[in-house]
PDB file of all heavy atoms in Angstrom:
ATOM      1  N   ASP A   1      92.251 301.757 243.114  1.00  0.00           N
ATOM      2  CA  ASP A   1      92.521 301.120 244.428  1.00  0.00           C
ATOM      3  C   ASP A   1      91.196 300.811 245.143  1.00  0.00           C
ATOM      4  O   ASP A   1      90.271 301.658 245.137  1.00  0.00           O
ATOM      5  CB  ASP A   1      93.389 301.981 245.352  1.00  0.00           C
ATOM      6  CG  ASP A   1      94.783 302.186 244.765  1.00  0.00           C
ATOM      7  OD1 ASP A   1      95.195 301.336 243.925  1.00  0.00           O
ATOM      8  OD2 ASP A   1      95.414 303.175 245.122  1.00  0.00           O
ATOM      9  N   ASP A   2      91.036 299.569 245.601  1.00  0.00           N
ATOM     10  CA  ASP A   2      89.855 299.206 246.331  1.00  0.00           C
ATOM     11  C   ASP A   2      88.554 299.412 245.516  1.00  0.00           C
ATOM     12  O   ASP A   2      87.647 300.115 245.925  1.00  0.00           O
ATOM     13  CB  ASP A   2      89.805 299.965 247.686  1.00  0.00           C
ATOM     14  CG  ASP A   2      88.715 299.404 248.627  1.00  0.00           C
ATOM     15  OD1 ASP A   2      88.356 298.214 248.512  1.00  0.00           O
ATOM     16  OD2 ASP A   2      88.179 300.173 249.439  1.00  0.00           O
ATOM     17  N   PHE A   3      88.515 298.828 244.352  1.00  0.00           N
ATOM     18  CA  PHE A   3      87.393 298.999 243.459  1.00  0.00           C
ATOM     19  C   PHE A   3      86.130 298.411 244.113  1.00  0.00           C
ATOM     20  O   PHE A   3      86.142 297.344 244.693  1.00  0.00           O
ATOM     21  CB  PHE A   3      87.679 298.239 242.133  1.00  0.00           C
ATOM     22  CG  PHE A   3      86.493 298.317 241.154  1.00  0.00           C
ATOM     23  CD1 PHE A   3      86.423 299.450 240.356  1.00  0.00           C
ATOM     24  CD2 PHE A   3      85.566 297.352 241.103  1.00  0.00           C
ATOM     25  CE1 PHE A   3      85.323 299.541 239.412  1.00  0.00           C
ATOM     26  CE2 PHE A   3      84.495 297.428 240.222  1.00  0.00           C
ATOM     27  CZ  PHE A   3      84.422 298.551 239.353  1.00  0.00           C
ATOM     28  N   ARG A   4      85.065 299.195 244.030  1.00  0.00           N
ATOM     29  CA  ARG A   4      83.788 298.811 244.649  1.00  0.00           C
ATOM     30  C   ARG A   4      82.638 298.931 243.639  1.00  0.00           C
ATOM     31  O   ARG A   4      82.474 299.979 243.028  1.00  0.00           O
ATOM     32  CB  ARG A   4      83.490 299.658 245.851  1.00  0.00           C
ATOM     33  CG  ARG A   4      84.470 299.503 247.004  1.00  0.00           C
ATOM     34  CD  ARG A   4      84.247 300.527 248.087  1.00  0.00           C
ATOM     35  NE  ARG A   4      84.490 301.897 247.607  1.00  0.00           N
ATOM     36  CZ  ARG A   4      84.127 303.000 248.236  1.00  0.00           C
ATOM     37  NH1 ARG A   4      83.482 302.883 249.398  1.00  0.00           N
ATOM     38  NH2 ARG A   4      84.396 304.183 247.732  1.00  0.00           N
ATOM     39  N   PHE A   5      81.892 297.842 243.467  1.00  0.00           N
ATOM     40  CA  PHE A   5      80.711 297.855 242.601  1.00  0.00           C
ATOM     41  C   PHE A   5      79.637 298.793 243.159  1.00  0.00           C
ATOM     42  O   PHE A   5      79.409 298.776 244.401  1.00  0.00           O
ATOM     43  CB  PHE A   5      80.162 296.452 242.375  1.00  0.00           C
ATOM     44  CG  PHE A   5      81.021 295.584 241.535  1.00  0.00           C
ATOM     45  CD1 PHE A   5      81.926 294.682 242.090  1.00  0.00           C
ATOM     46  CD2 PHE A   5      81.024 295.678 240.152  1.00  0.00           C
ATOM     47  CE1 PHE A   5      82.710 293.884 241.346  1.00  0.00           C
ATOM     48  CE2 PHE A   5      81.802 294.899 239.362  1.00  0.00           C
ATOM     49  CZ  PHE A   5      82.679 293.972 239.954  1.00  0.00           C
ATOM     50  N   GLY A   6      78.941 299.550 242.295  1.00  0.00           N
ATOM     51  CA  GLY A   6      77.840 300.359 242.727  1.00  0.00           C
ATOM     52  C   GLY A   6      78.261 301.615 243.454  1.00  0.00           C
ATOM     53  O   GLY A   6      77.404 302.341 243.967  1.00  0.00           O
ATOM     54  N   LYS A   7      79.555 301.940 243.436  1.00  0.00           N
ATOM     55  CA  LYS A   7      80.060 303.153 244.066  1.00  0.00           C
ATOM     56  C   LYS A   7      80.871 303.964 243.084  1.00  0.00           C
ATOM     57  O   LYS A   7      81.238 303.518 242.005  1.00  0.00           O
ATOM     58  CB  LYS A   7      80.998 302.798 245.230  1.00  0.00           C
ATOM     59  CG  LYS A   7      80.333 301.891 246.309  1.00  0.00           C
ATOM     60  CD  LYS A   7      79.315 302.630 247.134  1.00  0.00           C
ATOM     61  CE  LYS A   7      78.726 301.751 248.213  1.00  0.00           C
ATOM     62  NZ  LYS A   7      77.700 302.457 249.010  1.00  0.00           N
ATOM     63  N   THR A   8      81.128 305.243 243.422  1.00  0.00           N
ATOM     64  CA  THR A   8      81.998 306.063 242.596  1.00  0.00           C
ATOM     65  C   THR A   8      83.415 305.684 242.888  1.00  0.00           C
ATOM     66  O   THR A   8      83.879 305.763 244.070  1.00  0.00           O
ATOM     67  CB  THR A   8      81.787 307.559 242.904  1.00  0.00           C
ATOM     68  OG1 THR A   8      80.417 307.932 242.579  1.00  0.00           O
ATOM     69  CG2 THR A   8      82.761 308.405 242.107  1.00  0.00           C
ATOM     70  N   ASN A   9      84.168 305.283 241.905  1.00  0.00           N
ATOM     71  CA  ASN A   9      85.580 304.888 242.055  1.00  0.00           C
ATOM     72  C   ASN A   9      86.450 305.892 241.330  1.00  0.00           C
ATOM     73  O   ASN A   9      86.068 306.381 240.240  1.00  0.00           O
ATOM     74  CB  ASN A   9      85.812 303.494 241.447  1.00  0.00           C
ATOM     75  CG  ASN A   9      85.041 302.423 242.194  1.00  0.00           C
ATOM     76  OD1 ASN A   9      85.514 301.895 243.206  1.00  0.00           O
ATOM     77  ND2 ASN A   9      83.883 302.058 241.682  1.00  0.00           N
ATOM     78  N   ARG A  10      87.580 306.200 241.931  1.00  0.00           N
ATOM     79  CA  ARG A  10      88.500 307.199 241.305  1.00  0.00           C
ATOM     80  C   ARG A  10      89.832 306.461 240.928  1.00  0.00           C
ATOM     81  O   ARG A  10      90.318 305.647 241.665  1.00  0.00           O
ATOM     82  CB  ARG A  10      88.762 308.368 242.248  1.00  0.00           C
ATOM     83  CG  ARG A  10      87.493 309.075 242.617  1.00  0.00           C
ATOM     84  CD  ARG A  10      87.690 310.349 243.303  1.00  0.00           C
ATOM     85  NE  ARG A  10      86.414 310.976 243.745  1.00  0.00           N
ATOM     86  CZ  ARG A  10      85.611 311.640 242.913  1.00  0.00           C
ATOM     87  NH1 ARG A  10      85.937 311.803 241.601  1.00  0.00           N
ATOM     88  NH2 ARG A  10      84.485 312.135 243.366  1.00  0.00           N
ATOM     89  N   THR A  11      90.353 306.873 239.766  1.00  0.00           N
ATOM     90  CA  THR A  11      91.590 306.254 239.275  1.00  0.00           C
ATOM     91  C   THR A  11      92.793 306.758 240.073  1.00  0.00           C
ATOM     92  O   THR A  11      92.839 307.947 240.486  1.00  0.00           O
ATOM     93  CB  THR A  11      91.780 306.502 237.775  1.00  0.00           C
ATOM     94  OG1 THR A  11      91.922 307.909 237.584  1.00  0.00           O
ATOM     95  CG2 THR A  11      90.575 305.993 236.989  1.00  0.00           C
ATOM     96  N   THR A  12      93.786 305.906 240.206  1.00  0.00           N
ATOM     97  CA  THR A  12      95.081 306.334 240.751  1.00  0.00           C
ATOM     98  C   THR A  12      96.160 306.305 239.714  1.00  0.00           C
ATOM     99  O   THR A  12      97.282 306.824 239.933  1.00  0.00           O
ATOM    100  CB  THR A  12      95.497 305.375 241.885  1.00  0.00           C
ATOM    101  OG1 THR A  12      95.475 304.043 241.452  1.00  0.00           O
ATOM    102  CG2 THR A  12      94.503 305.522 243.075  1.00  0.00           C
ATOM    103  N   SER A  13      95.916 305.727 238.522  1.00  0.00           N
ATOM    104  CA  SER A  13      96.793 305.873 237.364  1.00  0.00           C
ATOM    105  C   SER A  13      95.992 305.683 236.072  1.00  0.00           C
ATOM    106  O   SER A  13      94.986 304.992 236.106  1.00  0.00           O
ATOM    107  CB  SER A  13      97.951 304.818 237.438  1.00  0.00           C
ATOM    108  OG  SER A  13      97.423 303.543 237.176  1.00  0.00           O
ATOM    109  N   GLU A  14      96.470 306.327 235.029  1.00  0.00           N
ATOM    110  CA  GLU A  14      95.768 306.255 233.745  1.00  0.00           C
ATOM    111  C   GLU A  14      96.712 306.242 232.606  1.00  0.00           C
ATOM    112  O   GLU A  14      97.767 306.854 232.676  1.00  0.00           O
ATOM    113  CB  GLU A  14      94.815 307.496 233.587  1.00  0.00           C
ATOM    114  CG  GLU A  14      93.758 307.659 234.664  1.00  0.00           C
ATOM    115  CD  GLU A  14      92.893 308.913 234.401  1.00  0.00           C
ATOM    116  OE1 GLU A  14      93.282 309.704 233.468  1.00  0.00           O
ATOM    117  OE2 GLU A  14      91.923 309.122 235.100  1.00  0.00           O
ATOM    118  N   GLN A  15      96.350 305.470 231.570  1.00  0.00           N
ATOM    119  CA  GLN A  15      97.136 305.498 230.315  1.00  0.00           C
ATOM    120  C   GLN A  15      96.179 305.461 229.148  1.00  0.00           C
ATOM    121  O   GLN A  15      95.103 304.793 229.228  1.00  0.00           O
ATOM    122  CB  GLN A  15      98.081 304.280 230.205  1.00  0.00           C
ATOM    123  CG  GLN A  15      99.312 304.294 231.082  1.00  0.00           C
ATOM    124  CD  GLN A  15     100.155 303.088 230.880  1.00  0.00           C
ATOM    125  OE1 GLN A  15      99.671 301.966 231.189  1.00  0.00           O
ATOM    126  NE2 GLN A  15     101.329 303.208 230.360  1.00  0.00           N
ATOM    127  N   LEU A  16      96.514 306.147 228.095  1.00  0.00           N
ATOM    128  CA  LEU A  16      95.738 306.036 226.828  1.00  0.00           C
ATOM    129  C   LEU A  16      96.719 305.567 225.777  1.00  0.00           C
ATOM    130  O   LEU A  16      97.709 306.226 225.412  1.00  0.00           O
ATOM    131  CB  LEU A  16      95.171 307.365 226.423  1.00  0.00           C
ATOM    132  CG  LEU A  16      93.790 307.761 226.996  1.00  0.00           C
ATOM    133  CD1 LEU A  16      93.463 309.172 226.643  1.00  0.00           C
ATOM    134  CD2 LEU A  16      92.717 306.783 226.485  1.00  0.00           C
ATOM    135  N   LEU A  17      96.486 304.340 225.223  1.00  0.00           N
ATOM    136  CA  LEU A  17      97.411 303.721 224.268  1.00  0.00           C
ATOM    137  C   LEU A  17      96.659 303.112 223.088  1.00  0.00           C
ATOM    138  O   LEU A  17      95.571 302.680 223.238  1.00  0.00           O
ATOM    139  CB  LEU A  17      98.223 302.614 225.012  1.00  0.00           C
ATOM    140  CG  LEU A  17      99.051 303.055 226.238  1.00  0.00           C
ATOM    141  CD1 LEU A  17      99.527 301.811 226.993  1.00  0.00           C
ATOM    142  CD2 LEU A  17     100.192 303.967 225.773  1.00  0.00           C
ATOM    143  N   PRO A  18      97.314 303.123 221.946  1.00  0.00           N
ATOM    144  CA  PRO A  18      96.663 302.456 220.795  1.00  0.00           C
ATOM    145  C   PRO A  18      96.652 300.937 221.025  1.00  0.00           C
ATOM    146  O   PRO A  18      97.610 300.376 221.587  1.00  0.00           O
ATOM    147  CB  PRO A  18      97.563 302.819 219.596  1.00  0.00           C
ATOM    148  CG  PRO A  18      98.936 303.068 220.242  1.00  0.00           C
ATOM    149  CD  PRO A  18      98.618 303.645 221.631  1.00  0.00           C
ATOM    150  N   GLY A  19      95.608 300.301 220.582  1.00  0.00           N
ATOM    151  CA  GLY A  19      95.457 298.873 220.804  1.00  0.00           C
ATOM    152  C   GLY A  19      94.934 298.159 219.599  1.00  0.00           C
ATOM    153  O   GLY A  19      94.578 298.733 218.596  1.00  0.00           O
ATOM    154  N   GLY A  20      94.825 296.824 219.705  1.00  0.00           N
ATOM    155  CA  GLY A  20      94.511 295.972 218.597  1.00  0.00           C
ATOM    156  C   GLY A  20      95.693 295.093 218.313  1.00  0.00           C
ATOM    157  O   GLY A  20      96.839 295.559 218.375  1.00  0.00           O
ATOM    158  N   LYS A  21      95.463 293.793 218.020  1.00  0.00           N
ATOM    159  CA  LYS A  21      96.538 292.847 217.941  1.00  0.00           C
ATOM    160  C   LYS A  21      97.566 293.194 216.851  1.00  0.00           C
ATOM    161  O   LYS A  21      98.772 293.127 217.087  1.00  0.00           O
ATOM    162  CB  LYS A  21      95.969 291.435 217.690  1.00  0.00           C
ATOM    163  CG  LYS A  21      95.158 290.896 218.902  1.00  0.00           C
ATOM    164  CD  LYS A  21      94.607 289.547 218.634  1.00  0.00           C
ATOM    165  CE  LYS A  21      95.611 288.440 218.744  1.00  0.00           C
ATOM    166  NZ  LYS A  21      96.191 288.265 220.122  1.00  0.00           N
ATOM    167  N   GLY A  22      97.076 293.591 215.683  1.00  0.00           N
ATOM    168  CA  GLY A  22      98.039 293.959 214.628  1.00  0.00           C
ATOM    169  C   GLY A  22      98.878 295.152 215.001  1.00  0.00           C
ATOM    170  O   GLY A  22     100.089 295.177 214.721  1.00  0.00           O
ATOM    171  N   ILE A  23      98.235 296.157 215.612  1.00  0.00           N
ATOM    172  CA  ILE A  23      99.027 297.331 215.998  1.00  0.00           C
ATOM    173  C   ILE A  23      99.994 296.966 217.072  1.00  0.00           C
ATOM    174  O   ILE A  23     101.132 297.475 217.097  1.00  0.00           O
ATOM    175  CB  ILE A  23      97.986 298.469 216.456  1.00  0.00           C
ATOM    176  CG1 ILE A  23      97.305 299.043 215.241  1.00  0.00           C
ATOM    177  CG2 ILE A  23      98.744 299.548 217.230  1.00  0.00           C
ATOM    178  CD1 ILE A  23      96.204 299.953 215.571  1.00  0.00           C
ATOM    179  N   ASN A  24      99.638 296.082 218.043  1.00  0.00           N
ATOM    180  CA  ASN A  24     100.639 295.655 219.034  1.00  0.00           C
ATOM    181  C   ASN A  24     101.820 295.015 218.430  1.00  0.00           C
ATOM    182  O   ASN A  24     102.974 295.202 218.807  1.00  0.00           O
ATOM    183  CB  ASN A  24      99.957 294.681 220.001  1.00  0.00           C
ATOM    184  CG  ASN A  24      98.947 295.268 220.908  1.00  0.00           C
ATOM    185  OD1 ASN A  24      98.934 296.524 221.107  1.00  0.00           O
ATOM    186  ND2 ASN A  24      98.103 294.497 221.494  1.00  0.00           N
ATOM    187  N   VAL A  25     101.571 294.128 217.367  1.00  0.00           N
ATOM    188  CA  VAL A  25     102.684 293.532 216.684  1.00  0.00           C
ATOM    189  C   VAL A  25     103.567 294.590 216.064  1.00  0.00           C
ATOM    190  O   VAL A  25     104.794 294.525 216.085  1.00  0.00           O
ATOM    191  CB  VAL A  25     102.140 292.536 215.615  1.00  0.00           C
ATOM    192  CG1 VAL A  25     103.290 292.031 214.705  1.00  0.00           C
ATOM    193  CG2 VAL A  25     101.440 291.346 216.249  1.00  0.00           C
ATOM    194  N   SER A  26     102.981 295.586 215.387  1.00  0.00           N
ATOM    195  CA  SER A  26     103.710 296.671 214.760  1.00  0.00           C
ATOM    196  C   SER A  26     104.579 297.399 215.774  1.00  0.00           C
ATOM    197  O   SER A  26     105.746 297.728 215.473  1.00  0.00           O
ATOM    198  CB  SER A  26     102.760 297.648 214.083  1.00  0.00           C
ATOM    199  OG  SER A  26     102.449 297.229 212.797  1.00  0.00           O
ATOM    200  N   ILE A  27     104.053 297.648 216.966  1.00  0.00           N
ATOM    201  CA  ILE A  27     104.824 298.419 217.968  1.00  0.00           C
ATOM    202  C   ILE A  27     106.023 297.636 218.405  1.00  0.00           C
ATOM    203  O   ILE A  27     107.166 298.172 218.499  1.00  0.00           O
ATOM    204  CB  ILE A  27     103.898 298.743 219.160  1.00  0.00           C
ATOM    205  CG1 ILE A  27     102.855 299.774 218.773  1.00  0.00           C
ATOM    206  CG2 ILE A  27     104.723 299.271 220.397  1.00  0.00           C
ATOM    207  CD1 ILE A  27     101.750 299.966 219.807  1.00  0.00           C
ATOM    208  N   VAL A  28     105.867 296.336 218.664  1.00  0.00           N
ATOM    209  CA  VAL A  28     107.018 295.507 219.148  1.00  0.00           C
ATOM    210  C   VAL A  28     108.032 295.372 217.998  1.00  0.00           C
ATOM    211  O   VAL A  28     109.244 295.414 218.209  1.00  0.00           O
ATOM    212  CB  VAL A  28     106.547 294.191 219.695  1.00  0.00           C
ATOM    213  CG1 VAL A  28     107.700 293.303 220.114  1.00  0.00           C
ATOM    214  CG2 VAL A  28     105.647 294.406 220.911  1.00  0.00           C
ATOM    215  N   LEU A  29     107.545 295.151 216.798  1.00  0.00           N
ATOM    216  CA  LEU A  29     108.484 295.052 215.649  1.00  0.00           C
ATOM    217  C   LEU A  29     109.277 296.346 215.511  1.00  0.00           C
ATOM    218  O   LEU A  29     110.533 296.335 215.340  1.00  0.00           O
ATOM    219  CB  LEU A  29     107.712 294.853 214.348  1.00  0.00           C
ATOM    220  CG  LEU A  29     107.178 293.435 214.081  1.00  0.00           C
ATOM    221  CD1 LEU A  29     106.336 293.446 212.806  1.00  0.00           C
ATOM    222  CD2 LEU A  29     108.330 292.408 213.905  1.00  0.00           C
ATOM    223  N   SER A  30     108.605 297.471 215.677  1.00  0.00           N
ATOM    224  CA  SER A  30     109.336 298.752 215.642  1.00  0.00           C
ATOM    225  C   SER A  30     110.331 298.911 216.756  1.00  0.00           C
ATOM    226  O   SER A  30     111.445 299.415 216.546  1.00  0.00           O
ATOM    227  CB  SER A  30     108.274 299.945 215.670  1.00  0.00           C
ATOM    228  OG  SER A  30     108.887 301.143 215.535  1.00  0.00           O
ATOM    229  N   ASN A  31     109.956 298.447 217.946  1.00  0.00           N
ATOM    230  CA  ASN A  31     110.869 298.467 219.099  1.00  0.00           C
ATOM    231  C   ASN A  31     112.135 297.641 218.819  1.00  0.00           C
ATOM    232  O   ASN A  31     113.225 297.969 219.253  1.00  0.00           O
ATOM    233  CB  ASN A  31     110.206 297.962 220.344  1.00  0.00           C
ATOM    234  CG  ASN A  31     109.192 298.916 220.907  1.00  0.00           C
ATOM    235  OD1 ASN A  31     109.065 300.049 220.428  1.00  0.00           O
ATOM    236  ND2 ASN A  31     108.361 298.453 221.867  1.00  0.00           N
ATOM    237  N   LEU A  32     111.974 296.585 218.021  1.00  0.00           N
ATOM    238  CA  LEU A  32     113.086 295.681 217.645  1.00  0.00           C
ATOM    239  C   LEU A  32     113.811 296.177 216.381  1.00  0.00           C
ATOM    240  O   LEU A  32     114.754 295.467 215.935  1.00  0.00           O
ATOM    241  CB  LEU A  32     112.560 294.244 217.460  1.00  0.00           C
ATOM    242  CG  LEU A  32     112.226 293.523 218.796  1.00  0.00           C
ATOM    243  CD1 LEU A  32     111.428 292.274 218.442  1.00  0.00           C
ATOM    244  CD2 LEU A  32     113.458 293.210 219.564  1.00  0.00           C
TER     245      LEU A  32
END
């Protein structure tokens, strides 16, 4: 929230997820 350049910014939400276009395709295919 209220990101500022040159300052210490703190997260209000975080996610760690696998990425990459092929992997994204695999995830949606699996969901289907």
